[in-house]
N, C-alpha and C. Protein backbone atom coordinates (compact mmCIF):
# COMPACT_ATOMS: atom_id res chain seq x y z
N MET A 1 50.72 39.00 70.82
CA MET A 1 50.04 38.63 69.58
C MET A 1 51.01 38.00 68.59
N ASN A 2 52.22 38.65 68.46
CA ASN A 2 53.23 38.11 67.56
C ASN A 2 53.70 36.74 68.02
N ASN A 3 53.87 36.60 69.36
CA ASN A 3 54.27 35.30 69.90
C ASN A 3 53.23 34.23 69.59
N SER A 4 51.98 34.61 69.70
CA SER A 4 50.89 33.68 69.41
C SER A 4 50.92 33.24 67.96
N VAL A 5 51.16 34.17 67.08
CA VAL A 5 51.23 33.85 65.65
C VAL A 5 52.42 32.95 65.37
N ARG A 6 53.57 33.30 65.99
CA ARG A 6 54.76 32.48 65.78
C ARG A 6 54.58 31.06 66.31
N ASN A 7 53.97 30.96 67.47
CA ASN A 7 53.72 29.63 68.03
C ASN A 7 52.79 28.81 67.14
N THR A 8 51.76 29.48 66.65
CA THR A 8 50.81 28.79 65.76
C THR A 8 51.51 28.33 64.48
N ALA A 9 52.34 29.23 63.93
CA ALA A 9 53.07 28.88 62.71
C ALA A 9 54.03 27.73 62.95
N ARG A 10 54.72 27.77 64.14
CA ARG A 10 55.66 26.70 64.47
C ARG A 10 54.93 25.35 64.60
N LEU A 11 53.77 25.38 65.24
CA LEU A 11 52.99 24.14 65.40
C LEU A 11 52.50 23.61 64.05
N LEU A 12 52.04 24.56 63.20
CA LEU A 12 51.58 24.13 61.87
C LEU A 12 52.73 23.55 61.06
N GLY A 13 53.90 24.21 61.18
CA GLY A 13 55.07 23.70 60.46
C GLY A 13 55.46 22.31 60.94
N ALA A 14 55.43 22.11 62.26
CA ALA A 14 55.78 20.79 62.81
C ALA A 14 54.77 19.74 62.37
N GLY A 15 53.49 20.13 62.36
CA GLY A 15 52.45 19.19 61.93
C GLY A 15 52.59 18.81 60.47
N LEU A 16 52.93 19.80 59.62
CA LEU A 16 53.10 19.52 58.20
C LEU A 16 54.33 18.65 57.95
N ARG A 17 55.42 18.91 58.71
CA ARG A 17 56.61 18.07 58.56
C ARG A 17 56.32 16.64 58.99
N ALA A 18 55.58 16.49 60.10
CA ALA A 18 55.21 15.14 60.57
C ALA A 18 54.33 14.45 59.53
N LEU A 19 53.40 15.21 58.96
CA LEU A 19 52.52 14.64 57.93
C LEU A 19 53.33 14.18 56.73
N LEU A 20 54.30 14.99 56.31
CA LEU A 20 55.13 14.64 55.16
C LEU A 20 55.95 13.39 55.43
N VAL A 21 56.59 13.36 56.62
CA VAL A 21 57.42 12.20 56.98
C VAL A 21 56.59 10.93 57.05
N LEU A 22 55.45 11.02 57.75
CA LEU A 22 54.59 9.83 57.88
C LEU A 22 54.03 9.39 56.54
N THR A 23 53.73 10.35 55.67
CA THR A 23 53.23 10.00 54.33
C THR A 23 54.29 9.23 53.55
N VAL A 24 55.53 9.71 53.62
CA VAL A 24 56.62 9.03 52.90
C VAL A 24 56.88 7.65 53.49
N VAL A 25 56.94 7.59 54.84
CA VAL A 25 57.27 6.31 55.49
C VAL A 25 56.13 5.30 55.34
N CYS A 26 54.91 5.73 55.72
CA CYS A 26 53.77 4.79 55.74
C CYS A 26 53.10 4.62 54.38
N GLY A 27 53.16 5.69 53.57
CA GLY A 27 52.45 5.62 52.29
C GLY A 27 53.31 5.22 51.12
N VAL A 28 54.65 5.30 51.27
CA VAL A 28 55.54 4.97 50.15
C VAL A 28 56.52 3.87 50.53
N LEU A 29 57.37 4.17 51.54
CA LEU A 29 58.44 3.22 51.88
C LEU A 29 57.90 1.90 52.40
N TYR A 30 56.97 1.95 53.37
CA TYR A 30 56.45 0.70 53.96
C TYR A 30 55.77 -0.18 52.91
N PRO A 31 54.85 0.36 52.08
CA PRO A 31 54.25 -0.49 51.05
C PRO A 31 55.27 -1.08 50.08
N LEU A 32 56.29 -0.29 49.72
CA LEU A 32 57.31 -0.80 48.81
C LEU A 32 58.10 -1.94 49.44
N VAL A 33 58.46 -1.79 50.72
CA VAL A 33 59.21 -2.85 51.41
C VAL A 33 58.38 -4.11 51.53
N VAL A 34 57.13 -3.96 51.98
CA VAL A 34 56.25 -5.12 52.15
C VAL A 34 56.01 -5.81 50.81
N THR A 35 55.76 -5.02 49.77
CA THR A 35 55.54 -5.59 48.43
C THR A 35 56.79 -6.30 47.93
N GLY A 36 57.95 -5.68 48.16
CA GLY A 36 59.20 -6.30 47.72
C GLY A 36 59.47 -7.62 48.42
N VAL A 37 59.27 -7.65 49.74
CA VAL A 37 59.47 -8.89 50.50
C VAL A 37 58.49 -9.96 50.05
N ALA A 38 57.23 -9.56 49.85
CA ALA A 38 56.21 -10.52 49.42
C ALA A 38 56.54 -11.11 48.06
N GLN A 39 56.98 -10.25 47.13
CA GLN A 39 57.30 -10.72 45.78
C GLN A 39 58.54 -11.61 45.79
N ALA A 40 59.49 -11.27 46.66
CA ALA A 40 60.73 -12.05 46.70
C ALA A 40 60.55 -13.39 47.40
N ALA A 41 59.80 -13.39 48.50
CA ALA A 41 59.69 -14.60 49.31
C ALA A 41 58.43 -15.41 49.05
N PHE A 42 57.33 -14.74 48.66
CA PHE A 42 56.07 -15.44 48.48
C PHE A 42 55.39 -14.97 47.19
N SER A 43 56.12 -15.04 46.10
CA SER A 43 55.64 -14.47 44.84
C SER A 43 54.29 -15.05 44.41
N GLY A 44 54.14 -16.36 44.48
CA GLY A 44 52.90 -17.00 44.04
C GLY A 44 51.70 -16.54 44.85
N LYS A 45 51.85 -16.57 46.19
CA LYS A 45 50.75 -16.17 47.06
C LYS A 45 50.46 -14.69 46.94
N ALA A 46 51.51 -13.88 46.81
CA ALA A 46 51.31 -12.44 46.70
C ALA A 46 50.55 -12.06 45.45
N ASN A 47 50.65 -12.87 44.42
CA ASN A 47 49.97 -12.60 43.16
C ASN A 47 48.66 -13.36 43.01
N GLY A 48 48.12 -13.84 44.13
CA GLY A 48 46.79 -14.46 44.09
C GLY A 48 46.79 -15.96 43.87
N SER A 49 47.94 -16.62 44.06
CA SER A 49 48.04 -18.08 43.87
C SER A 49 47.49 -18.49 42.50
N GLU A 50 47.94 -17.76 41.47
CA GLU A 50 47.46 -18.03 40.12
C GLU A 50 47.88 -19.42 39.65
N VAL A 51 47.01 -20.05 38.90
CA VAL A 51 47.30 -21.36 38.31
C VAL A 51 47.39 -21.17 36.81
N THR A 52 48.47 -21.62 36.21
CA THR A 52 48.65 -21.48 34.77
C THR A 52 48.64 -22.85 34.09
N SER A 53 48.25 -22.85 32.85
CA SER A 53 48.27 -24.06 32.04
C SER A 53 48.72 -23.69 30.64
N HIS A 54 49.85 -24.25 30.23
CA HIS A 54 50.42 -23.97 28.91
C HIS A 54 50.60 -22.47 28.69
N GLY A 55 51.11 -21.80 29.72
CA GLY A 55 51.42 -20.39 29.61
C GLY A 55 50.25 -19.45 29.78
N ARG A 56 49.08 -19.97 30.10
CA ARG A 56 47.90 -19.11 30.25
C ARG A 56 47.33 -19.26 31.65
N THR A 57 47.00 -18.13 32.29
CA THR A 57 46.40 -18.16 33.62
C THR A 57 44.96 -18.63 33.50
N VAL A 58 44.61 -19.69 34.26
CA VAL A 58 43.28 -20.28 34.15
C VAL A 58 42.47 -20.16 35.44
N GLY A 59 43.06 -19.58 36.47
CA GLY A 59 42.32 -19.43 37.72
C GLY A 59 43.26 -19.29 38.89
N SER A 60 42.69 -19.41 40.07
CA SER A 60 43.45 -19.34 41.31
C SER A 60 43.28 -20.64 42.08
N ALA A 61 44.35 -21.06 42.73
CA ALA A 61 44.28 -22.28 43.53
C ALA A 61 43.42 -22.09 44.76
N LEU A 62 43.06 -20.83 45.08
CA LEU A 62 42.29 -20.53 46.28
C LEU A 62 40.80 -20.35 46.01
N LEU A 63 40.41 -20.34 44.74
CA LEU A 63 39.02 -20.04 44.38
C LEU A 63 38.45 -21.11 43.47
N GLY A 64 37.26 -21.60 43.83
CA GLY A 64 36.59 -22.60 43.00
C GLY A 64 35.98 -21.96 41.77
N GLN A 65 35.62 -22.79 40.82
CA GLN A 65 34.93 -22.33 39.62
C GLN A 65 34.08 -23.47 39.07
N ARG A 66 33.13 -23.11 38.22
CA ARG A 66 32.24 -24.11 37.64
C ARG A 66 32.82 -24.65 36.33
N TYR A 67 32.33 -25.83 35.94
CA TYR A 67 32.70 -26.44 34.67
C TYR A 67 31.41 -26.86 33.98
N ASP A 68 30.89 -25.95 33.17
CA ASP A 68 29.59 -26.16 32.53
C ASP A 68 29.73 -26.19 31.01
N LYS A 69 28.69 -26.67 30.37
CA LYS A 69 28.67 -26.69 28.89
C LYS A 69 27.51 -25.85 28.35
N GLY A 70 27.00 -24.96 29.15
CA GLY A 70 25.90 -24.11 28.73
C GLY A 70 24.80 -24.09 29.77
N THR A 71 23.62 -23.69 29.36
CA THR A 71 22.47 -23.63 30.25
C THR A 71 21.27 -24.35 29.65
N ASP A 72 20.34 -24.74 30.52
CA ASP A 72 19.12 -25.37 30.03
C ASP A 72 18.09 -24.31 29.68
N LYS A 73 16.88 -24.73 29.35
CA LYS A 73 15.84 -23.80 28.93
C LYS A 73 15.46 -22.82 30.03
N ALA A 74 15.64 -23.23 31.27
CA ALA A 74 15.32 -22.35 32.39
C ALA A 74 16.47 -21.43 32.76
N GLY A 75 17.58 -21.54 32.04
CA GLY A 75 18.74 -20.69 32.32
C GLY A 75 19.66 -21.24 33.38
N ASN A 76 19.43 -22.48 33.81
CA ASN A 76 20.30 -23.09 34.82
C ASN A 76 21.52 -23.71 34.16
N PRO A 77 22.69 -23.60 34.77
CA PRO A 77 23.91 -24.16 34.17
C PRO A 77 23.83 -25.69 34.10
N VAL A 78 24.36 -26.22 33.00
CA VAL A 78 24.41 -27.67 32.80
C VAL A 78 25.86 -28.13 32.98
N PRO A 79 26.16 -28.92 34.00
CA PRO A 79 27.54 -29.35 34.24
C PRO A 79 28.12 -30.13 33.06
N ASP A 80 29.36 -29.85 32.74
CA ASP A 80 30.08 -30.59 31.71
C ASP A 80 30.75 -31.78 32.38
N LEU A 81 30.21 -32.95 32.16
CA LEU A 81 30.66 -34.13 32.89
C LEU A 81 31.98 -34.69 32.37
N ARG A 82 32.56 -34.03 31.39
CA ARG A 82 33.93 -34.41 30.99
C ARG A 82 34.93 -33.97 32.05
N PHE A 83 34.50 -33.05 32.93
CA PHE A 83 35.39 -32.52 33.96
C PHE A 83 34.90 -32.91 35.35
N PHE A 84 35.81 -32.93 36.30
CA PHE A 84 35.44 -33.12 37.69
C PHE A 84 34.68 -31.89 38.16
N GLN A 85 33.60 -32.11 38.87
CA GLN A 85 32.75 -31.02 39.31
C GLN A 85 33.07 -30.61 40.75
N PRO A 86 32.94 -29.31 41.05
CA PRO A 86 33.20 -28.82 42.41
C PRO A 86 32.00 -29.08 43.31
N ARG A 87 32.13 -28.74 44.55
CA ARG A 87 30.99 -28.80 45.46
C ARG A 87 30.05 -27.64 45.14
N PRO A 88 28.82 -27.68 45.62
CA PRO A 88 27.89 -26.58 45.32
C PRO A 88 28.38 -25.27 45.90
N SER A 89 27.95 -24.19 45.28
CA SER A 89 28.20 -22.85 45.81
C SER A 89 26.86 -22.26 46.21
N ALA A 90 26.75 -21.73 47.40
CA ALA A 90 25.46 -21.17 47.87
C ALA A 90 25.74 -20.01 48.81
N GLY A 91 26.17 -18.90 48.25
CA GLY A 91 26.48 -17.72 49.06
C GLY A 91 25.23 -16.97 49.46
N LEU A 92 25.46 -15.87 50.15
CA LEU A 92 24.34 -15.09 50.68
C LEU A 92 23.53 -14.39 49.60
N GLY A 93 24.12 -14.15 48.48
CA GLY A 93 23.39 -13.45 47.43
C GLY A 93 24.28 -13.22 46.24
N SER A 94 23.80 -12.48 45.28
CA SER A 94 24.55 -12.21 44.08
C SER A 94 24.62 -10.71 43.85
N ASN A 95 25.65 -10.27 43.17
CA ASN A 95 25.73 -8.86 42.85
C ASN A 95 24.71 -8.47 41.78
N LYS A 96 24.07 -9.44 41.19
CA LYS A 96 23.09 -9.18 40.14
C LYS A 96 21.66 -9.29 40.65
N THR A 97 21.44 -10.20 41.59
CA THR A 97 20.11 -10.39 42.14
C THR A 97 20.22 -10.54 43.64
N ASN A 98 19.08 -10.68 44.29
CA ASN A 98 19.07 -10.90 45.74
C ASN A 98 18.93 -12.38 46.07
N GLY A 99 19.05 -13.22 45.05
CA GLY A 99 18.90 -14.65 45.28
C GLY A 99 20.19 -15.28 45.79
N VAL A 100 20.22 -16.61 45.81
CA VAL A 100 21.39 -17.34 46.27
C VAL A 100 22.41 -17.44 45.14
N ASN A 101 23.65 -17.20 45.47
CA ASN A 101 24.72 -17.28 44.48
C ASN A 101 25.14 -18.74 44.32
N THR A 102 24.82 -19.33 43.18
CA THR A 102 25.19 -20.72 42.90
C THR A 102 26.24 -20.80 41.79
N GLN A 103 26.76 -19.65 41.39
CA GLN A 103 27.61 -19.62 40.20
C GLN A 103 29.10 -19.41 40.51
N TYR A 104 29.51 -19.53 41.76
CA TYR A 104 30.89 -19.23 42.13
C TYR A 104 31.22 -17.80 41.71
N ASP A 105 30.29 -16.89 41.93
CA ASP A 105 30.49 -15.48 41.63
C ASP A 105 31.57 -14.93 42.57
N LEU A 106 32.69 -14.51 42.00
CA LEU A 106 33.83 -14.11 42.82
C LEU A 106 33.61 -12.79 43.55
N GLN A 107 32.55 -12.07 43.19
CA GLN A 107 32.26 -10.82 43.88
C GLN A 107 31.40 -11.05 45.12
N VAL A 108 31.00 -12.30 45.33
CA VAL A 108 30.14 -12.63 46.47
C VAL A 108 30.72 -13.82 47.21
N SER A 109 30.94 -13.68 48.48
CA SER A 109 31.47 -14.78 49.27
C SER A 109 30.73 -14.86 50.60
N GLY A 110 30.35 -16.06 50.97
CA GLY A 110 29.66 -16.26 52.24
C GLY A 110 28.80 -17.50 52.21
N ALA A 111 28.36 -17.91 53.36
CA ALA A 111 27.49 -19.09 53.46
C ALA A 111 26.03 -18.69 53.31
N SER A 112 25.18 -19.67 53.14
CA SER A 112 23.75 -19.39 53.00
C SER A 112 23.10 -19.03 54.33
N ASN A 113 23.76 -19.41 55.44
CA ASN A 113 23.25 -19.19 56.80
C ASN A 113 21.94 -19.94 57.06
N LEU A 114 21.68 -20.98 56.30
CA LEU A 114 20.48 -21.79 56.52
C LEU A 114 20.79 -22.89 57.53
N GLY A 115 19.89 -23.07 58.49
CA GLY A 115 20.08 -24.09 59.50
C GLY A 115 19.76 -25.48 58.98
N ALA A 116 20.15 -26.49 59.76
CA ALA A 116 19.98 -27.87 59.33
C ALA A 116 18.52 -28.27 59.13
N THR A 117 17.60 -27.57 59.79
CA THR A 117 16.18 -27.90 59.66
C THR A 117 15.46 -27.00 58.66
N ASN A 118 16.18 -26.12 58.00
CA ASN A 118 15.56 -25.23 57.02
C ASN A 118 15.07 -26.04 55.82
N THR A 119 13.83 -25.83 55.43
CA THR A 119 13.23 -26.63 54.36
C THR A 119 13.91 -26.39 53.01
N ASP A 120 14.33 -25.16 52.76
CA ASP A 120 15.01 -24.88 51.49
C ASP A 120 16.33 -25.64 51.42
N LEU A 121 17.05 -25.67 52.53
CA LEU A 121 18.32 -26.37 52.56
C LEU A 121 18.13 -27.87 52.40
N THR A 122 17.21 -28.44 53.16
CA THR A 122 17.00 -29.89 53.07
C THR A 122 16.52 -30.30 51.68
N LYS A 123 15.70 -29.46 51.05
CA LYS A 123 15.24 -29.75 49.69
C LYS A 123 16.41 -29.72 48.71
N ALA A 124 17.26 -28.70 48.83
CA ALA A 124 18.41 -28.58 47.93
C ALA A 124 19.37 -29.75 48.10
N VAL A 125 19.59 -30.16 49.35
CA VAL A 125 20.49 -31.28 49.61
C VAL A 125 19.92 -32.58 49.02
N LYS A 126 18.63 -32.80 49.18
CA LYS A 126 18.01 -34.00 48.63
C LYS A 126 18.08 -34.03 47.11
N GLU A 127 17.83 -32.87 46.49
CA GLU A 127 17.89 -32.80 45.03
C GLU A 127 19.31 -33.03 44.53
N ARG A 128 20.26 -32.44 45.20
CA ARG A 128 21.65 -32.60 44.81
C ARG A 128 22.11 -34.03 45.01
N LYS A 129 21.71 -34.64 46.11
CA LYS A 129 22.10 -36.03 46.38
C LYS A 129 21.54 -36.96 45.32
N LYS A 130 20.30 -36.72 44.93
CA LYS A 130 19.68 -37.53 43.88
C LYS A 130 20.41 -37.36 42.56
N TRP A 131 20.78 -36.11 42.24
CA TRP A 131 21.49 -35.85 40.99
C TRP A 131 22.84 -36.55 40.98
N VAL A 132 23.59 -36.44 42.06
CA VAL A 132 24.91 -37.08 42.14
C VAL A 132 24.77 -38.59 42.03
N SER A 133 23.78 -39.15 42.72
CA SER A 133 23.55 -40.60 42.69
C SER A 133 23.25 -41.08 41.28
N GLU A 134 22.35 -40.39 40.60
CA GLU A 134 21.96 -40.81 39.25
C GLU A 134 23.06 -40.54 38.22
N THR A 135 23.76 -39.44 38.39
CA THR A 135 24.79 -39.06 37.42
C THR A 135 26.00 -39.97 37.48
N TYR A 136 26.42 -40.33 38.69
CA TYR A 136 27.64 -41.10 38.85
C TYR A 136 27.40 -42.56 39.22
N GLY A 137 26.13 -42.96 39.27
CA GLY A 137 25.81 -44.36 39.47
C GLY A 137 26.21 -44.93 40.81
N VAL A 138 25.96 -44.18 41.88
CA VAL A 138 26.27 -44.67 43.22
C VAL A 138 25.02 -44.53 44.09
N PRO A 139 24.89 -45.35 45.12
CA PRO A 139 23.74 -45.20 46.04
C PRO A 139 23.81 -43.85 46.75
N GLU A 140 22.67 -43.30 47.09
CA GLU A 140 22.64 -42.02 47.78
C GLU A 140 23.38 -42.08 49.11
N SER A 141 23.40 -43.25 49.71
CA SER A 141 24.09 -43.40 51.00
C SER A 141 25.61 -43.25 50.85
N LYS A 142 26.12 -43.36 49.62
CA LYS A 142 27.55 -43.25 49.37
C LYS A 142 27.97 -41.84 48.93
N VAL A 143 27.02 -40.94 48.82
CA VAL A 143 27.32 -39.58 48.39
C VAL A 143 27.93 -38.80 49.55
N PRO A 144 29.15 -38.30 49.43
CA PRO A 144 29.79 -37.57 50.54
C PRO A 144 29.14 -36.22 50.78
N ALA A 145 29.30 -35.70 51.99
CA ALA A 145 28.63 -34.47 52.38
C ALA A 145 29.03 -33.27 51.52
N ASP A 146 30.31 -33.20 51.12
CA ASP A 146 30.73 -32.03 50.36
C ASP A 146 30.18 -32.02 48.94
N ALA A 147 29.61 -33.14 48.49
CA ALA A 147 28.99 -33.18 47.16
C ALA A 147 27.63 -32.52 47.15
N VAL A 148 27.06 -32.31 48.34
CA VAL A 148 25.69 -31.77 48.39
C VAL A 148 25.58 -30.50 49.23
N THR A 149 26.68 -30.04 49.81
CA THR A 149 26.65 -28.83 50.64
C THR A 149 27.74 -27.87 50.19
N SER A 150 27.49 -26.59 50.39
CA SER A 150 28.49 -25.59 50.04
C SER A 150 29.41 -25.32 51.22
N SER A 151 30.51 -24.65 50.95
CA SER A 151 31.45 -24.30 52.00
C SER A 151 31.03 -23.00 52.67
N GLY A 152 31.74 -22.62 53.72
CA GLY A 152 31.42 -21.38 54.42
C GLY A 152 31.62 -20.15 53.56
N SER A 153 32.57 -20.21 52.63
CA SER A 153 32.83 -19.06 51.74
C SER A 153 32.00 -19.13 50.47
N GLY A 154 31.54 -20.33 50.12
CA GLY A 154 30.86 -20.52 48.84
C GLY A 154 31.82 -20.56 47.67
N LEU A 155 33.13 -20.49 47.94
CA LEU A 155 34.14 -20.43 46.88
C LEU A 155 35.23 -21.48 47.08
N ASP A 156 34.95 -22.53 47.83
CA ASP A 156 35.94 -23.55 48.15
C ASP A 156 36.48 -24.19 46.86
N PRO A 157 37.80 -24.19 46.66
CA PRO A 157 38.36 -24.78 45.44
C PRO A 157 38.57 -26.29 45.54
N ASP A 158 38.37 -26.85 46.74
CA ASP A 158 38.70 -28.26 46.97
C ASP A 158 37.45 -29.12 47.17
N ILE A 159 37.60 -30.40 46.87
CA ILE A 159 36.59 -31.40 47.21
C ILE A 159 37.29 -32.53 47.95
N SER A 160 36.52 -33.38 48.57
CA SER A 160 37.10 -34.51 49.29
C SER A 160 37.59 -35.56 48.30
N PRO A 161 38.60 -36.35 48.68
CA PRO A 161 39.03 -37.45 47.81
C PRO A 161 37.88 -38.40 47.49
N GLU A 162 36.96 -38.58 48.44
CA GLU A 162 35.82 -39.47 48.20
C GLU A 162 34.95 -38.96 47.05
N PHE A 163 34.69 -37.65 47.02
CA PHE A 163 33.88 -37.08 45.95
C PHE A 163 34.61 -37.15 44.61
N ALA A 164 35.92 -36.95 44.64
CA ALA A 164 36.70 -37.04 43.40
C ALA A 164 36.70 -38.47 42.87
N ARG A 165 36.92 -39.45 43.75
CA ARG A 165 36.92 -40.85 43.32
C ARG A 165 35.55 -41.26 42.77
N LEU A 166 34.51 -40.74 43.40
CA LEU A 166 33.15 -41.04 42.97
C LEU A 166 32.92 -40.61 41.52
N GLN A 167 33.57 -39.52 41.10
CA GLN A 167 33.37 -38.99 39.75
C GLN A 167 34.29 -39.62 38.71
N ALA A 168 35.34 -40.29 39.16
CA ALA A 168 36.41 -40.70 38.27
C ALA A 168 35.95 -41.55 37.09
N ASP A 169 35.15 -42.58 37.34
CA ASP A 169 34.76 -43.49 36.27
C ASP A 169 33.90 -42.78 35.22
N ARG A 170 32.98 -41.91 35.66
CA ARG A 170 32.15 -41.17 34.71
C ARG A 170 33.00 -40.22 33.87
N VAL A 171 33.94 -39.54 34.51
CA VAL A 171 34.84 -38.64 33.79
C VAL A 171 35.66 -39.41 32.77
N ALA A 172 36.15 -40.58 33.17
CA ALA A 172 36.93 -41.41 32.24
C ALA A 172 36.08 -41.80 31.04
N GLY A 173 34.84 -42.21 31.27
CA GLY A 173 33.96 -42.61 30.18
C GLY A 173 33.65 -41.46 29.25
N GLU A 174 33.40 -40.28 29.80
CA GLU A 174 33.08 -39.10 28.99
C GLU A 174 34.24 -38.70 28.09
N ASN A 175 35.47 -38.97 28.56
CA ASN A 175 36.66 -38.60 27.79
C ASN A 175 37.28 -39.77 27.05
N GLN A 176 36.64 -40.94 27.14
CA GLN A 176 37.16 -42.16 26.49
C GLN A 176 38.60 -42.45 26.94
N LEU A 177 38.78 -42.38 28.25
CA LEU A 177 40.09 -42.65 28.84
C LEU A 177 40.02 -43.91 29.70
N PRO A 178 41.15 -44.57 29.93
CA PRO A 178 41.16 -45.70 30.86
C PRO A 178 40.78 -45.25 32.27
N ALA A 179 39.84 -45.95 32.88
CA ALA A 179 39.38 -45.56 34.21
C ALA A 179 40.53 -45.56 35.22
N GLY A 180 41.44 -46.52 35.08
CA GLY A 180 42.56 -46.59 36.01
C GLY A 180 43.45 -45.37 35.95
N ALA A 181 43.63 -44.82 34.74
CA ALA A 181 44.47 -43.64 34.59
C ALA A 181 43.84 -42.42 35.25
N VAL A 182 42.52 -42.31 35.15
CA VAL A 182 41.83 -41.17 35.77
C VAL A 182 41.82 -41.33 37.28
N ARG A 183 41.63 -42.55 37.76
CA ARG A 183 41.67 -42.77 39.21
C ARG A 183 43.05 -42.41 39.76
N LYS A 184 44.09 -42.73 38.99
CA LYS A 184 45.45 -42.40 39.43
C LYS A 184 45.64 -40.88 39.50
N LEU A 185 45.03 -40.16 38.57
CA LEU A 185 45.10 -38.70 38.63
C LEU A 185 44.56 -38.18 39.95
N VAL A 186 43.44 -38.77 40.38
CA VAL A 186 42.83 -38.34 41.65
C VAL A 186 43.80 -38.59 42.80
N GLU A 187 44.40 -39.76 42.84
CA GLU A 187 45.32 -40.08 43.93
C GLU A 187 46.54 -39.18 43.89
N ASP A 188 47.04 -38.88 42.69
CA ASP A 188 48.22 -38.03 42.56
C ASP A 188 47.94 -36.58 42.98
N HIS A 189 46.69 -36.16 42.92
CA HIS A 189 46.33 -34.78 43.25
C HIS A 189 45.59 -34.67 44.59
N THR A 190 45.72 -35.71 45.40
CA THR A 190 45.14 -35.66 46.74
C THR A 190 46.18 -35.15 47.73
N ASP A 191 45.86 -34.03 48.37
CA ASP A 191 46.75 -33.46 49.38
C ASP A 191 46.32 -33.93 50.76
N GLY A 192 47.29 -34.26 51.59
CA GLY A 192 47.00 -34.73 52.95
C GLY A 192 46.72 -33.58 53.91
N ARG A 193 46.55 -33.91 55.16
CA ARG A 193 46.31 -32.90 56.19
C ARG A 193 47.53 -31.98 56.32
N GLN A 194 47.28 -30.71 56.57
CA GLN A 194 48.38 -29.77 56.75
C GLN A 194 49.16 -30.11 58.01
N LEU A 195 50.47 -30.18 57.88
CA LEU A 195 51.37 -30.55 58.97
C LEU A 195 51.04 -31.92 59.53
N GLY A 196 50.28 -32.69 58.77
CA GLY A 196 49.98 -34.06 59.17
C GLY A 196 48.80 -34.23 60.09
N PHE A 197 48.24 -33.12 60.60
CA PHE A 197 47.13 -33.29 61.55
C PHE A 197 46.03 -32.23 61.41
N MET A 198 46.25 -31.16 60.66
CA MET A 198 45.25 -30.11 60.55
C MET A 198 44.42 -30.27 59.29
N GLY A 199 43.09 -30.12 59.44
CA GLY A 199 42.20 -30.21 58.29
C GLY A 199 41.97 -31.63 57.82
N GLU A 200 41.46 -31.76 56.61
CA GLU A 200 41.16 -33.06 56.02
C GLU A 200 41.86 -33.19 54.67
N PRO A 201 42.09 -34.42 54.21
CA PRO A 201 42.63 -34.60 52.86
C PRO A 201 41.71 -33.95 51.84
N ARG A 202 42.28 -33.42 50.76
CA ARG A 202 41.49 -32.65 49.81
C ARG A 202 42.09 -32.76 48.41
N VAL A 203 41.26 -32.42 47.43
CA VAL A 203 41.68 -32.42 46.02
C VAL A 203 41.31 -31.07 45.43
N ASN A 204 42.28 -30.37 44.87
CA ASN A 204 41.99 -29.10 44.21
C ASN A 204 41.41 -29.38 42.83
N VAL A 205 40.17 -28.96 42.61
CA VAL A 205 39.46 -29.33 41.39
C VAL A 205 40.10 -28.72 40.16
N LEU A 206 40.52 -27.48 40.23
CA LEU A 206 41.14 -26.84 39.08
C LEU A 206 42.41 -27.55 38.65
N GLN A 207 43.28 -27.83 39.60
CA GLN A 207 44.53 -28.49 39.26
C GLN A 207 44.29 -29.91 38.76
N LEU A 208 43.28 -30.58 39.31
CA LEU A 208 42.93 -31.92 38.84
C LEU A 208 42.43 -31.87 37.40
N ASN A 209 41.60 -30.89 37.09
CA ASN A 209 41.06 -30.79 35.72
C ASN A 209 42.13 -30.39 34.71
N ILE A 210 43.12 -29.60 35.14
CA ILE A 210 44.23 -29.29 34.25
C ILE A 210 44.99 -30.56 33.90
N ALA A 211 45.27 -31.36 34.92
CA ALA A 211 45.96 -32.63 34.68
C ALA A 211 45.11 -33.55 33.80
N LEU A 212 43.80 -33.50 33.99
CA LEU A 212 42.90 -34.31 33.17
C LEU A 212 42.99 -33.90 31.70
N LYS A 213 42.98 -32.60 31.43
CA LYS A 213 43.08 -32.12 30.06
C LYS A 213 44.40 -32.54 29.42
N ASP A 214 45.47 -32.52 30.20
CA ASP A 214 46.78 -32.97 29.68
C ASP A 214 46.72 -34.46 29.37
N LEU A 215 46.04 -35.22 30.20
CA LEU A 215 45.90 -36.66 29.95
C LEU A 215 45.07 -36.90 28.69
N VAL A 216 44.03 -36.11 28.50
CA VAL A 216 43.22 -36.24 27.29
C VAL A 216 44.06 -35.96 26.06
N ARG A 217 44.89 -34.92 26.11
CA ARG A 217 45.75 -34.57 24.97
C ARG A 217 46.75 -35.69 24.69
N SER A 218 47.30 -36.26 25.76
CA SER A 218 48.30 -37.31 25.58
C SER A 218 47.72 -38.56 24.94
N HIS A 219 46.40 -38.73 25.06
CA HIS A 219 45.73 -39.87 24.43
C HIS A 219 45.11 -39.50 23.10
N GLY A 220 45.41 -38.29 22.63
CA GLY A 220 44.90 -37.86 21.34
C GLY A 220 43.41 -37.67 21.28
N LYS A 221 42.79 -37.34 22.45
CA LYS A 221 41.35 -37.19 22.49
C LYS A 221 40.92 -35.73 22.41
N GLY A 222 41.86 -34.81 22.63
CA GLY A 222 41.48 -33.40 22.67
C GLY A 222 41.97 -32.62 21.47
């Protein structure tokens, strides 16, 4: 009986020591080492790829956001055409309602899962294409796909160079800037394929709009 008790106590003691060691190693030391390496070697990415402007954090380079000037009578956001607009956001739902997330709600990420023949999707694409065509003065046949469709995450921060160029003249007019200067901004903020062959050329909308605001200030418009 005494041997049984001693064996049980010895096993419990070994288990508690193992628990303590693993807690210290896995719960304290490992997180500290990983965090330290991340902060030292990849500080920007480790902190969420924050984007700052004039000392203030304005967003993340990995997450899209809207640029609106309020809402209409129906409560729908009205795009502020002084800024470059992102692609549509259409996630699976919203944390507030069960509808489609069109607001770049950061608590909701995902695609709409609507197929190419879905009537809701085709209607939304047609409406968006018409809006882009009328707003920026281009034929509907010239409207790029990313201007009328959302990304798989619904939070894509980038648009195609074609969509950015399409908006440039209207943005220049809204800000009373030379069109050539705004077009140059687009070219300067166009990133090529990763490693030269992966993905497609893209423009980060947030970083482009920050540069746009600086250009507006430099012309005494802001």
